[in-house]
Amino acid sequence: MATGRIVTPRVALRSSTSLRALISRPYTSTSSTVPLAYDHHEPPKGGARPQDAPIIFMHGLFGSKKNNRSVSRVLARDLRRHVYTVDLRNHGESPHAPEHTYLAMASDIERFIHDHALRSPTLIGHSMGAKTAMTFALTTPSLISNIVAVDNAPVDAALHSSFPRYLDGMRRIEAANVTKQAEADAILKEYEDDFAIRAFLLGNLYRPSSPHTSPSSGPSPQKFRVPLDIIARSLGHLGDFPFKDPSAVRFEKPALFVRGLRSTYIPDEALPLIGQFFPLFRLIDIDAGHWVISEKPEEFLRAVIEFLKLPE
C-alpha cells in the first residue's frame, strides 16, 4: 500500500548523513552535451500537443528507455500527455561521453527540451535518473513545472557494493566473447543470484554489426551498450549530489519523492534536507525495494497520476 505525507523542512538533521552532503567534494562540469535517444509515447487523440507539458522519463544506472515503456504508456493514456522516455548518456542508444556526472546528464536533458521545443515538462527519474531530475530542477528551474524523484535523495551516499560487482561480471562477459545470452547469464550468476537483476543487466547486451563478418564465420561476440570503462571511472561520484548548500539554491515548485520502504536510498534522516532543497515536496511511501516501479507499478502510477493531477 502507498502512503503519502507532506514533510516540512524545519526539522533538525538527525544524523551526519545529510551533513556530509553539505561538505563533501563539489562537482564541476566541462562536458559537451549529447543528443539523447528516446521513445515517444503519445496520448489518445484529443490530448495535449507534443510540446505542451510533456513528461520526460529517465532510467537508473545500467537501465534504458525500454525499462519504463509500460508505465509510460499508461501515463500518456491517463494524463493525456505526451511521454518521452530517454536513454541518458552512456546508456541504451544514446552516445557515449567521457564525463558521466549529474550536471552533464542534466545538461543533456536541457538540450533535449530545447531541441524538441518542449514547454513546462515534468521530469520523472528513478535512482540515477532521480538525481538527474533533482540536479536539473536546481540548475534550470524555469524550464520545468515539477519533478518526480523515485527512490533517491539529494545527499552524498556510497553506492551499493553490488554495482562494482556487476561491473566485474560484465567485464568478464565481454572478455569471454560470448555469443549467446545463456553464456553471459552463466558468468553473471557468479556475481548476482537474482534472475530479474541479471536479466536487467543483460538487457544491455547487443551484437555489433561488422562488415567483415560472413555467415560462415558464425555469430559475432555480444557487447554491452554501456561503456564499462567510463561507468567504472564514474562510480565513485554517482552516489554524490552536486549541490551541498540548500540555503544557496532551491526548487520552489512541486516535487514528489517516491520511496521504497524496503530500500535505504531515502532514509528518514534525509527528509529535512529534501525539504530545504525542495520546500514544496510531497513524500509517498510504497512497500517495495529500490526497484519501486517494476515491483509495484500500479501503486507507483497511482501516486504519480494523483500528484500530476493536483492544481499547481
C-alpha atoms as a PDB file:
ATOM      1  CA  MET A   1       0.000   0.000   0.000  1.00  0.00           C
ATOM      2  CA  ALA A   2       1.223   3.507  -0.785  1.00  0.00           C
ATOM      3  CA  THR A   3       1.029   6.094   1.961  1.00  0.00           C
ATOM      4  CA  GLY A   4       1.531   9.796   1.460  1.00  0.00           C
ATOM      5  CA  ARG A   5       2.587  12.594   3.722  1.00  0.00           C
ATOM      6  CA  ILE A   6       3.896  16.136   3.467  1.00  0.00           C
ATOM      7  CA  VAL A   7       7.072  16.686   5.474  1.00  0.00           C
ATOM      8  CA  THR A   8       8.107  20.186   6.489  1.00  0.00           C
ATOM      9  CA  PRO A   9      11.745  21.233   6.121  1.00  0.00           C
ATOM     10  CA  ARG A  10      12.003  22.731   9.604  1.00  0.00           C
ATOM     11  CA  VAL A  11      13.114  19.503  11.263  1.00  0.00           C
ATOM     12  CA  ALA A  12      16.624  19.302  12.655  1.00  0.00           C
ATOM     13  CA  LEU A  13      19.038  16.945  10.919  1.00  0.00           C
ATOM     14  CA  ARG A  14      19.294  13.773  12.979  1.00  0.00           C
ATOM     15  CA  SER A  15      22.456  12.170  11.671  1.00  0.00           C
ATOM     16  CA  SER A  16      25.720  13.006   9.972  1.00  0.00           C
ATOM     17  CA  THR A  17      24.491  11.556   6.651  1.00  0.00           C
ATOM     18  CA  SER A  18      22.924  14.805   5.451  1.00  0.00           C
ATOM     19  CA  LEU A  19      25.647  16.938   6.993  1.00  0.00           C
ATOM     20  CA  ARG A  20      28.227  15.126   4.885  1.00  0.00           C
ATOM     21  CA  ALA A  21      26.218  16.110   1.829  1.00  0.00           C
ATOM     22  CA  LEU A  22      26.942  19.755   2.620  1.00  0.00           C
ATOM     23  CA  ILE A  23      30.705  19.468   2.976  1.00  0.00           C
ATOM     24  CA  SER A  24      31.856  16.737   0.587  1.00  0.00           C
ATOM     25  CA  ARG A  25      33.633  17.429  -2.674  1.00  0.00           C
ATOM     26  CA  PRO A  26      31.973  19.751  -5.201  1.00  0.00           C
ATOM     27  CA  TYR A  27      31.181  18.835  -8.767  1.00  0.00           C
ATOM     28  CA  THR A  28      32.457  20.616 -11.849  1.00  0.00           C
ATOM     29  CA  SER A  29      31.277  20.061 -15.388  1.00  0.00           C
ATOM     30  CA  THR A  30      33.101  20.831 -18.606  1.00  0.00           C
ATOM     31  CA  SER A  31      31.332  18.333 -20.844  1.00  0.00           C
ATOM     32  CA  SER A  32      29.608  18.937 -24.137  1.00  0.00           C
ATOM     33  CA  THR A  33      26.031  17.795 -24.384  1.00  0.00           C
ATOM     34  CA  VAL A  34      24.938  14.753 -26.379  1.00  0.00           C
ATOM     35  CA  PRO A  35      21.648  14.179 -28.254  1.00  0.00           C
ATOM     36  CA  LEU A  36      19.568  11.632 -26.374  1.00  0.00           C
ATOM     37  CA  ALA A  37      17.859   8.661 -27.959  1.00  0.00           C
ATOM     38  CA  TYR A  38      14.203   8.440 -26.952  1.00  0.00           C
ATOM     39  CA  ASP A  39      10.858   6.746 -27.393  1.00  0.00           C
ATOM     40  CA  HIS A  40       7.741   8.868 -27.796  1.00  0.00           C
ATOM     41  CA  HIS A  41       4.518   7.609 -26.197  1.00  0.00           C
ATOM     42  CA  GLU A  42       1.514   9.528 -27.477  1.00  0.00           C
ATOM     43  CA  PRO A  43      -1.775  10.107 -25.647  1.00  0.00           C
ATOM     44  CA  PRO A  44      -5.171   9.307 -27.181  1.00  0.00           C
ATOM     45  CA  LYS A  45      -6.395  11.623 -29.894  1.00  0.00           C
ATOM     46  CA  GLY A  46      -7.503  14.929 -28.488  1.00  0.00           C
ATOM     47  CA  GLY A  47      -4.767  15.046 -25.863  1.00  0.00           C
ATOM     48  CA  ALA A  48      -2.136  17.711 -25.463  1.00  0.00           C
ATOM     49  CA  ARG A  49       0.198  18.714 -28.268  1.00  0.00           C
ATOM     50  CA  PRO A  50       3.650  17.067 -28.164  1.00  0.00           C
ATOM     51  CA  GLN A  51       5.309  20.266 -26.951  1.00  0.00           C
ATOM     52  CA  ASP A  52       2.824  21.122 -24.203  1.00  0.00           C
ATOM     53  CA  ALA A  53       3.586  19.898 -20.675  1.00  0.00           C
ATOM     54  CA  PRO A  54       5.042  16.541 -21.692  1.00  0.00           C
ATOM     55  CA  ILE A  55       6.698  14.065 -19.341  1.00  0.00           C
ATOM     56  CA  ILE A  56      10.385  13.169 -19.657  1.00  0.00           C
ATOM     57  CA  PHE A  57      11.149   9.809 -18.038  1.00  0.00           C
ATOM     58  CA  MET A  58      14.731   8.929 -17.005  1.00  0.00           C
ATOM     59  CA  HIS A  59      16.042   5.493 -16.034  1.00  0.00           C
ATOM     60  CA  GLY A  60      18.643   4.450 -13.475  1.00  0.00           C
ATOM     61  CA  LEU A  61      22.194   3.116 -13.749  1.00  0.00           C
ATOM     62  CA  PHE A  62      22.512   0.296 -16.325  1.00  0.00           C
ATOM     63  CA  GLY A  63      18.938   0.999 -17.446  1.00  0.00           C
ATOM     64  CA  SER A  64      17.477   2.329 -20.675  1.00  0.00           C
ATOM     65  CA  LYS A  65      14.361   3.899 -22.148  1.00  0.00           C
ATOM     66  CA  LYS A  66      12.773   0.490 -22.643  1.00  0.00           C
ATOM     67  CA  ASN A  67      12.608  -0.096 -18.844  1.00  0.00           C
ATOM     68  CA  ASN A  68       9.690   2.299 -18.416  1.00  0.00           C
ATOM     69  CA  ARG A  69       7.661   1.617 -21.555  1.00  0.00           C
ATOM     70  CA  SER A  70       4.624   0.090 -19.871  1.00  0.00           C
ATOM     71  CA  VAL A  71       4.150   2.754 -17.210  1.00  0.00           C
ATOM     72  CA  SER A  72       4.857   5.498 -19.763  1.00  0.00           C
ATOM     73  CA  ARG A  73       2.034   4.259 -21.968  1.00  0.00           C
ATOM     74  CA  VAL A  74      -0.341   4.356 -19.012  1.00  0.00           C
ATOM     75  CA  LEU A  75       0.777   7.875 -18.061  1.00  0.00           C
ATOM     76  CA  ALA A  76       0.248   9.059 -21.647  1.00  0.00           C
ATOM     77  CA  ARG A  77      -3.210   7.488 -21.740  1.00  0.00           C
ATOM     78  CA  ASP A  78      -4.478   8.534 -18.321  1.00  0.00           C
ATOM     79  CA  LEU A  79      -2.938  12.014 -18.165  1.00  0.00           C
ATOM     80  CA  ARG A  80      -3.460  12.688 -21.896  1.00  0.00           C
ATOM     81  CA  ARG A  81       0.103  13.983 -22.092  1.00  0.00           C
ATOM     82  CA  HIS A  82       2.998  13.021 -24.337  1.00  0.00           C
ATOM     83  CA  VAL A  83       5.706  10.983 -22.630  1.00  0.00           C
ATOM     84  CA  TYR A  84       9.325  10.851 -23.769  1.00  0.00           C
ATOM     85  CA  THR A  85      11.413   8.040 -22.304  1.00  0.00           C
ATOM     86  CA  VAL A  86      15.082   8.848 -22.857  1.00  0.00           C
ATOM     87  CA  ASP A  87      18.362   6.980 -22.809  1.00  0.00           C
ATOM     88  CA  LEU A  88      20.717   9.010 -20.659  1.00  0.00           C
ATOM     89  CA  ARG A  89      24.286   9.441 -21.923  1.00  0.00           C
ATOM     90  CA  ASN A  90      26.379   6.253 -21.910  1.00  0.00           C
ATOM     91  CA  HIS A  91      23.210   4.151 -21.813  1.00  0.00           C
ATOM     92  CA  GLY A  92      20.998   2.472 -24.372  1.00  0.00           C
ATOM     93  CA  GLU A  93      21.216   4.017 -27.824  1.00  0.00           C
ATOM     94  CA  SER A  94      22.493   7.436 -26.698  1.00  0.00           C
ATOM     95  CA  PRO A  95      26.061   8.499 -27.470  1.00  0.00           C
ATOM     96  CA  HIS A  96      28.976   7.772 -25.169  1.00  0.00           C
ATOM     97  CA  ALA A  97      30.798  10.654 -23.484  1.00  0.00           C
ATOM     98  CA  PRO A  98      33.802  10.618 -21.132  1.00  0.00           C
ATOM     99  CA  GLU A  99      32.088  12.676 -18.407  1.00  0.00           C
ATOM    100  CA  HIS A 100      29.296  10.892 -16.588  1.00  0.00           C
ATOM    101  CA  THR A 101      28.076  13.266 -13.869  1.00  0.00           C
ATOM    102  CA  TYR A 102      24.692  14.581 -12.837  1.00  0.00           C
ATOM    103  CA  LEU A 103      25.488  18.059 -14.129  1.00  0.00           C
ATOM    104  CA  ALA A 104      26.415  16.605 -17.518  1.00  0.00           C
ATOM    105  CA  MET A 105      23.263  14.477 -17.657  1.00  0.00           C
ATOM    106  CA  ALA A 106      21.123  17.464 -16.631  1.00  0.00           C
ATOM    107  CA  SER A 107      22.712  19.496 -19.440  1.00  0.00           C
ATOM    108  CA  ASP A 108      21.743  16.748 -21.899  1.00  0.00           C
ATOM    109  CA  ILE A 109      18.138  16.998 -20.691  1.00  0.00           C
ATOM    110  CA  GLU A 110      18.216  20.765 -21.165  1.00  0.00           C
ATOM    111  CA  ARG A 111      19.386  20.220 -24.734  1.00  0.00           C
ATOM    112  CA  PHE A 112      16.605  17.670 -25.253  1.00  0.00           C
ATOM    113  CA  ILE A 113      13.996  20.176 -24.069  1.00  0.00           C
ATOM    114  CA  HIS A 114      15.332  22.868 -26.400  1.00  0.00           C
ATOM    115  CA  ASP A 115      15.791  20.520 -29.378  1.00  0.00           C
ATOM    116  CA  HIS A 116      12.170  19.375 -29.144  1.00  0.00           C
ATOM    117  CA  ALA A 117      10.745  22.800 -28.180  1.00  0.00           C
ATOM    118  CA  LEU A 118       9.115  21.354 -25.054  1.00  0.00           C
ATOM    119  CA  ARG A 119       7.234  23.666 -22.720  1.00  0.00           C
ATOM    120  CA  SER A 120       6.854  23.138 -18.963  1.00  0.00           C
ATOM    121  CA  PRO A 121       7.682  19.427 -18.894  1.00  0.00           C
ATOM    122  CA  THR A 122       7.566  17.148 -15.888  1.00  0.00           C
ATOM    123  CA  LEU A 123      10.763  15.235 -15.120  1.00  0.00           C
ATOM    124  CA  ILE A 124      10.427  11.709 -13.714  1.00  0.00           C
ATOM    125  CA  GLY A 125      13.561   9.801 -12.790  1.00  0.00           C
ATOM    126  CA  HIS A 126      14.455   6.619 -10.950  1.00  0.00           C
ATOM    127  CA  SER A 127      17.690   6.322  -8.940  1.00  0.00           C
ATOM    128  CA  MET A 128      20.391   7.882 -11.168  1.00  0.00           C
ATOM    129  CA  GLY A 129      17.574   9.454 -13.167  1.00  0.00           C
ATOM    130  CA  ALA A 130      16.093  10.848  -9.944  1.00  0.00           C
ATOM    131  CA  LYS A 131      19.332  12.645  -9.060  1.00  0.00           C
ATOM    132  CA  THR A 132      19.490  13.926 -12.635  1.00  0.00           C
ATOM    133  CA  ALA A 133      15.959  15.334 -12.262  1.00  0.00           C
ATOM    134  CA  MET A 134      16.852  16.953  -8.931  1.00  0.00           C
ATOM    135  CA  THR A 135      20.031  18.427 -10.406  1.00  0.00           C
ATOM    136  CA  PHE A 136      18.102  19.854 -13.350  1.00  0.00           C
ATOM    137  CA  ALA A 137      15.461  21.329 -11.051  1.00  0.00           C
ATOM    138  CA  LEU A 138      18.109  23.185  -9.057  1.00  0.00           C
ATOM    139  CA  THR A 139      20.086  24.395 -12.086  1.00  0.00           C
ATOM    140  CA  THR A 140      17.319  25.316 -14.549  1.00  0.00           C
ATOM    141  CA  PRO A 141      14.018  25.512 -12.640  1.00  0.00           C
ATOM    142  CA  SER A 142      12.381  27.878 -15.131  1.00  0.00           C
ATOM    143  CA  LEU A 143      12.267  25.188 -17.849  1.00  0.00           C
ATOM    144  CA  ILE A 144      10.159  22.625 -15.967  1.00  0.00           C
ATOM    145  CA  SER A 145       6.928  22.569 -13.985  1.00  0.00           C
ATOM    146  CA  ASN A 146       7.661  19.801 -11.434  1.00  0.00           C
ATOM    147  CA  ILE A 147       9.649  16.637 -10.781  1.00  0.00           C
ATOM    148  CA  VAL A 148       9.079  13.101  -9.553  1.00  0.00           C
ATOM    149  CA  ALA A 149      12.149  11.589  -7.890  1.00  0.00           C
ATOM    150  CA  VAL A 150      11.903   7.831  -7.391  1.00  0.00           C
ATOM    151  CA  ASP A 151      13.944   6.321  -4.566  1.00  0.00           C
ATOM    152  CA  ASN A 152      16.858   8.711  -4.324  1.00  0.00           C
ATOM    153  CA  ALA A 153      17.672  11.799  -2.304  1.00  0.00           C
ATOM    154  CA  PRO A 154      19.823  14.950  -2.710  1.00  0.00           C
ATOM    155  CA  VAL A 155      22.572  13.607  -0.463  1.00  0.00           C
ATOM    156  CA  ASP A 156      26.006  12.077  -0.828  1.00  0.00           C
ATOM    157  CA  ALA A 157      25.830   8.354  -0.171  1.00  0.00           C
ATOM    158  CA  ALA A 158      28.032   5.441  -1.146  1.00  0.00           C
ATOM    159  CA  LEU A 159      26.621   3.341  -3.952  1.00  0.00           C
ATOM    160  CA  HIS A 160      25.600  -0.177  -3.028  1.00  0.00           C
ATOM    161  CA  SER A 161      28.511  -2.604  -3.210  1.00  0.00           C
ATOM    162  CA  SER A 162      26.622  -4.602  -5.841  1.00  0.00           C
ATOM    163  CA  PHE A 163      27.379  -2.060  -8.589  1.00  0.00           C
ATOM    164  CA  PRO A 164      31.169  -2.614  -8.700  1.00  0.00           C
ATOM    165  CA  ARG A 165      30.446  -6.340  -8.541  1.00  0.00           C
ATOM    166  CA  TYR A 166      28.115  -6.089 -11.528  1.00  0.00           C
ATOM    167  CA  LEU A 167      30.800  -4.251 -13.486  1.00  0.00           C
ATOM    168  CA  ASP A 168      33.291  -7.033 -12.739  1.00  0.00           C
ATOM    169  CA  GLY A 169      30.858  -9.618 -14.068  1.00  0.00           C
ATOM    170  CA  MET A 170      30.032  -7.564 -17.168  1.00  0.00           C
ATOM    171  CA  ARG A 171      33.719  -7.139 -17.940  1.00  0.00           C
ATOM    172  CA  ARG A 172      34.220 -10.896 -17.685  1.00  0.00           C
ATOM    173  CA  ILE A 173      31.351 -11.421 -20.108  1.00  0.00           C
ATOM    174  CA  GLU A 174      32.900  -9.101 -22.679  1.00  0.00           C
ATOM    175  CA  ALA A 175      36.335 -10.688 -22.239  1.00  0.00           C
ATOM    176  CA  ALA A 176      34.809 -14.134 -22.817  1.00  0.00           C
ATOM    177  CA  ASN A 177      33.424 -13.059 -26.230  1.00  0.00           C
ATOM    178  CA  VAL A 178      30.103 -14.757 -25.557  1.00  0.00           C
ATOM    179  CA  THR A 179      27.736 -15.254 -28.474  1.00  0.00           C
ATOM    180  CA  LYS A 180      24.665 -16.426 -26.527  1.00  0.00           C
ATOM    181  CA  GLN A 181      22.661 -14.851 -23.719  1.00  0.00           C
ATOM    182  CA  ALA A 182      22.805 -18.120 -21.794  1.00  0.00           C
ATOM    183  CA  GLU A 183      26.596 -17.986 -21.775  1.00  0.00           C
ATOM    184  CA  ALA A 184      26.532 -14.457 -20.399  1.00  0.00           C
ATOM    185  CA  ASP A 185      23.989 -15.418 -17.747  1.00  0.00           C
ATOM    186  CA  ALA A 186      26.136 -18.339 -16.601  1.00  0.00           C
ATOM    187  CA  ILE A 187      29.016 -15.935 -15.939  1.00  0.00           C
ATOM    188  CA  LEU A 188      26.832 -13.322 -14.269  1.00  0.00           C
ATOM    189  CA  LYS A 189      25.388 -15.929 -11.888  1.00  0.00           C
ATOM    190  CA  GLU A 190      28.699 -15.830 -10.056  1.00  0.00           C
ATOM    191  CA  TYR A 191      28.085 -12.155  -9.274  1.00  0.00           C
ATOM    192  CA  GLU A 192      24.289 -11.948  -8.775  1.00  0.00           C
ATOM    193  CA  ASP A 193      21.820 -14.611  -7.635  1.00  0.00           C
ATOM    194  CA  ASP A 194      18.637 -12.738  -8.556  1.00  0.00           C
ATOM    195  CA  PHE A 195      17.445 -13.723 -12.040  1.00  0.00           C
ATOM    196  CA  ALA A 196      15.464 -10.494 -12.523  1.00  0.00           C
ATOM    197  CA  ILE A 197      18.531  -8.330 -11.842  1.00  0.00           C
ATOM    198  CA  ARG A 198      20.656 -10.473 -14.154  1.00  0.00           C
ATOM    199  CA  ALA A 199      18.044 -10.125 -16.896  1.00  0.00           C
ATOM    200  CA  PHE A 200      18.000  -6.356 -16.339  1.00  0.00           C
ATOM    201  CA  LEU A 201      21.797  -6.123 -16.693  1.00  0.00           C
ATOM    202  CA  LEU A 202      21.933  -8.491 -19.675  1.00  0.00           C
ATOM    203  CA  GLY A 203      19.337  -6.338 -21.419  1.00  0.00           C
ATOM    204  CA  ASN A 204      22.308  -4.098 -22.252  1.00  0.00           C
ATOM    205  CA  LEU A 205      23.875  -6.766 -24.479  1.00  0.00           C
ATOM    206  CA  TYR A 206      23.770  -6.375 -28.242  1.00  0.00           C
ATOM    207  CA  ARG A 207      25.588  -7.811 -31.228  1.00  0.00           C
ATOM    208  CA  PRO A 208      27.618  -5.138 -33.030  1.00  0.00           C
ATOM    209  CA  SER A 209      27.304  -5.300 -36.791  1.00  0.00           C
ATOM    210  CA  SER A 210      30.523  -5.792 -38.700  1.00  0.00           C
ATOM    211  CA  PRO A 211      31.031  -5.555 -42.474  1.00  0.00           C
ATOM    212  CA  HIS A 212      33.748  -8.186 -42.182  1.00  0.00           C
ATOM    213  CA  THR A 213      31.525 -10.873 -40.655  1.00  0.00           C
ATOM    214  CA  SER A 214      30.408 -13.605 -43.048  1.00  0.00           C
ATOM    215  CA  PRO A 215      27.588 -16.102 -42.403  1.00  0.00           C
ATOM    216  CA  SER A 216      30.088 -18.963 -42.380  1.00  0.00           C
ATOM    217  CA  SER A 217      32.076 -17.419 -39.527  1.00  0.00           C
ATOM    218  CA  GLY A 218      29.187 -17.767 -37.072  1.00  0.00           C
ATOM    219  CA  PRO A 219      27.660 -15.120 -34.793  1.00  0.00           C
ATOM    220  CA  SER A 220      29.876 -12.273 -33.630  1.00  0.00           C
ATOM    221  CA  PRO A 221      30.512 -11.753 -29.883  1.00  0.00           C
ATOM    222  CA  GLN A 222      27.986  -9.739 -27.926  1.00  0.00           C
ATOM    223  CA  LYS A 223      28.992  -6.494 -26.223  1.00  0.00           C
ATOM    224  CA  PHE A 224      27.386  -4.154 -23.703  1.00  0.00           C
ATOM    225  CA  ARG A 225      25.859  -0.891 -24.884  1.00  0.00           C
ATOM    226  CA  VAL A 226      27.051   0.687 -21.630  1.00  0.00           C
ATOM    227  CA  PRO A 227      30.731   1.751 -21.864  1.00  0.00           C
ATOM    228  CA  LEU A 228      32.042  -0.205 -18.901  1.00  0.00           C
ATOM    229  CA  ASP A 229      35.284   1.752 -18.585  1.00  0.00           C
ATOM    230  CA  ILE A 230      33.506   5.126 -18.374  1.00  0.00           C
ATOM    231  CA  ILE A 231      30.961   3.865 -15.846  1.00  0.00           C
ATOM    232  CA  ALA A 232      33.729   2.274 -13.751  1.00  0.00           C
ATOM    233  CA  ARG A 233      35.592   5.606 -13.596  1.00  0.00           C
ATOM    234  CA  SER A 234      32.371   7.402 -12.654  1.00  0.00           C
ATOM    235  CA  LEU A 235      31.078   5.092  -9.907  1.00  0.00           C
ATOM    236  CA  GLY A 236      32.873   6.981  -7.141  1.00  0.00           C
ATOM    237  CA  HIS A 237      30.824  10.124  -7.889  1.00  0.00           C
ATOM    238  CA  LEU A 238      27.452   8.631  -8.789  1.00  0.00           C
ATOM    239  CA  GLY A 239      26.439   8.345  -5.152  1.00  0.00           C
ATOM    240  CA  ASP A 240      27.101  12.050  -4.631  1.00  0.00           C
ATOM    241  CA  PHE A 241      24.891  15.061  -5.273  1.00  0.00           C
ATOM    242  CA  PRO A 242      26.303  18.177  -6.938  1.00  0.00           C
ATOM    243  CA  PHE A 243      24.687  20.706  -4.595  1.00  0.00           C
ATOM    244  CA  LYS A 244      25.799  20.953  -0.981  1.00  0.00           C
ATOM    245  CA  ASP A 245      24.175  24.089   0.443  1.00  0.00           C
ATOM    246  CA  PRO A 246      20.362  24.234   0.426  1.00  0.00           C
ATOM    247  CA  SER A 247      20.461  27.864   1.531  1.00  0.00           C
ATOM    248  CA  ALA A 248      22.069  28.773  -1.808  1.00  0.00           C
ATOM    249  CA  VAL A 249      19.664  27.066  -4.202  1.00  0.00           C
ATOM    250  CA  ARG A 250      16.185  25.551  -4.042  1.00  0.00           C
ATOM    251  CA  PHE A 251      13.368  24.387  -6.307  1.00  0.00           C
ATOM    252  CA  GLU A 252      10.195  26.198  -5.316  1.00  0.00           C
ATOM    253  CA  LYS A 253       7.819  24.171  -7.455  1.00  0.00           C
ATOM    254  CA  PRO A 254       6.045  20.892  -6.686  1.00  0.00           C
ATOM    255  CA  ALA A 255       8.208  17.809  -6.220  1.00  0.00           C
ATOM    256  CA  LEU A 256       7.105  14.258  -5.465  1.00  0.00           C
ATOM    257  CA  PHE A 257       9.533  11.845  -3.808  1.00  0.00           C
ATOM    258  CA  VAL A 258       8.552   8.187  -4.091  1.00  0.00           C
ATOM    259  CA  ARG A 259      10.312   6.000  -1.525  1.00  0.00           C
ATOM    260  CA  GLY A 260      10.621   2.252  -1.403  1.00  0.00           C
ATOM    261  CA  LEU A 261      10.133   1.350   2.245  1.00  0.00           C
ATOM    262  CA  ARG A 262      12.434  -1.670   1.919  1.00  0.00           C
ATOM    263  CA  SER A 263      15.138   0.450   0.286  1.00  0.00           C
ATOM    264  CA  THR A 264      17.816   2.519   2.035  1.00  0.00           C
ATOM    265  CA  TYR A 265      18.135   5.270  -0.580  1.00  0.00           C
ATOM    266  CA  ILE A 266      15.852   7.793   1.182  1.00  0.00           C
ATOM    267  CA  PRO A 267      16.492   7.451   4.931  1.00  0.00           C
ATOM    268  CA  ASP A 268      14.369   9.454   7.348  1.00  0.00           C
ATOM    269  CA  GLU A 269      17.477  11.481   8.159  1.00  0.00           C
ATOM    270  CA  ALA A 270      17.471  12.848   4.595  1.00  0.00           C
ATOM    271  CA  LEU A 271      13.921  14.247   4.737  1.00  0.00           C
ATOM    272  CA  PRO A 272      14.840  17.599   6.330  1.00  0.00           C
ATOM    273  CA  LEU A 273      17.448  18.218   3.652  1.00  0.00           C
ATOM    274  CA  ILE A 274      14.975  17.270   0.913  1.00  0.00           C
ATOM    275  CA  GLY A 275      12.624  19.856   2.392  1.00  0.00           C
ATOM    276  CA  GLN A 276      15.298  22.527   2.312  1.00  0.00           C
ATOM    277  CA  PHE A 277      16.158  21.920  -1.351  1.00  0.00           C
ATOM    278  CA  PHE A 278      12.526  21.200  -2.344  1.00  0.00           C
ATOM    279  CA  PRO A 279      10.244  23.095   0.065  1.00  0.00           C
ATOM    280  CA  LEU A 280       7.044  22.047  -1.774  1.00  0.00           C
ATOM    281  CA  PHE A 281       7.862  18.347  -1.785  1.00  0.00           C
ATOM    282  CA  ARG A 282       5.484  15.509  -1.025  1.00  0.00           C
ATOM    283  CA  LEU A 283       6.569  12.050   0.073  1.00  0.00           C
ATOM    284  CA  ILE A 284       4.883   8.807  -0.917  1.00  0.00           C
ATOM    285  CA  ASP A 285       5.990   5.550   0.710  1.00  0.00           C
ATOM    286  CA  ILE A 286       5.470   2.285  -1.189  1.00  0.00           C
ATOM    287  CA  ASP A 287       6.095  -1.172   0.241  1.00  0.00           C
ATOM    288  CA  ALA A 288       8.873  -2.060  -2.195  1.00  0.00           C
ATOM    289  CA  GLY A 289      12.631  -2.226  -2.528  1.00  0.00           C
ATOM    290  CA  HIS A 290      14.763   0.074  -4.674  1.00  0.00           C
ATOM    291  CA  TRP A 291      13.110  -1.125  -7.902  1.00  0.00           C
ATOM    292  CA  VAL A 292       9.842   0.578  -6.965  1.00  0.00           C
ATOM    293  CA  ILE A 293       8.457   0.974 -10.482  1.00  0.00           C
ATOM    294  CA  SER A 294       8.900  -2.645 -11.547  1.00  0.00           C
ATOM    295  CA  GLU A 295       7.922  -4.087  -8.145  1.00  0.00           C
ATOM    296  CA  LYS A 296       4.757  -2.038  -7.599  1.00  0.00           C
ATOM    297  CA  PRO A 297       3.814  -0.417 -10.923  1.00  0.00           C
ATOM    298  CA  GLU A 298       0.152   0.139 -10.051  1.00  0.00           C
ATOM    299  CA  GLU A 299       0.926   1.898  -6.774  1.00  0.00           C
ATOM    300  CA  PHE A 300       3.630   3.961  -8.465  1.00  0.00           C
ATOM    301  CA  LEU A 301       1.259   5.006 -11.231  1.00  0.00           C
ATOM    302  CA  ARG A 302      -1.499   5.865  -8.783  1.00  0.00           C
ATOM    303  CA  ALA A 303       0.863   8.120  -6.793  1.00  0.00           C
ATOM    304  CA  VAL A 304       2.252   9.882  -9.865  1.00  0.00           C
ATOM    305  CA  ILE A 305      -1.116  10.398 -11.567  1.00  0.00           C
ATOM    306  CA  GLU A 306      -2.628  11.809  -8.382  1.00  0.00           C
ATOM    307  CA  PHE A 307       0.328  14.170  -7.968  1.00  0.00           C
ATOM    308  CA  LEU A 308       0.290  15.393 -11.548  1.00  0.00           C
ATOM    309  CA  LYS A 309      -3.471  15.995 -11.471  1.00  0.00           C
ATOM    310  CA  LEU A 310      -3.163  18.316  -8.485  1.00  0.00           C
ATOM    311  CA  PRO A 311      -3.653  22.020  -9.258  1.00  0.00           C
ATOM    312  CA  GLU A 312      -0.373  23.923  -9.396  1.00  0.00           C
END
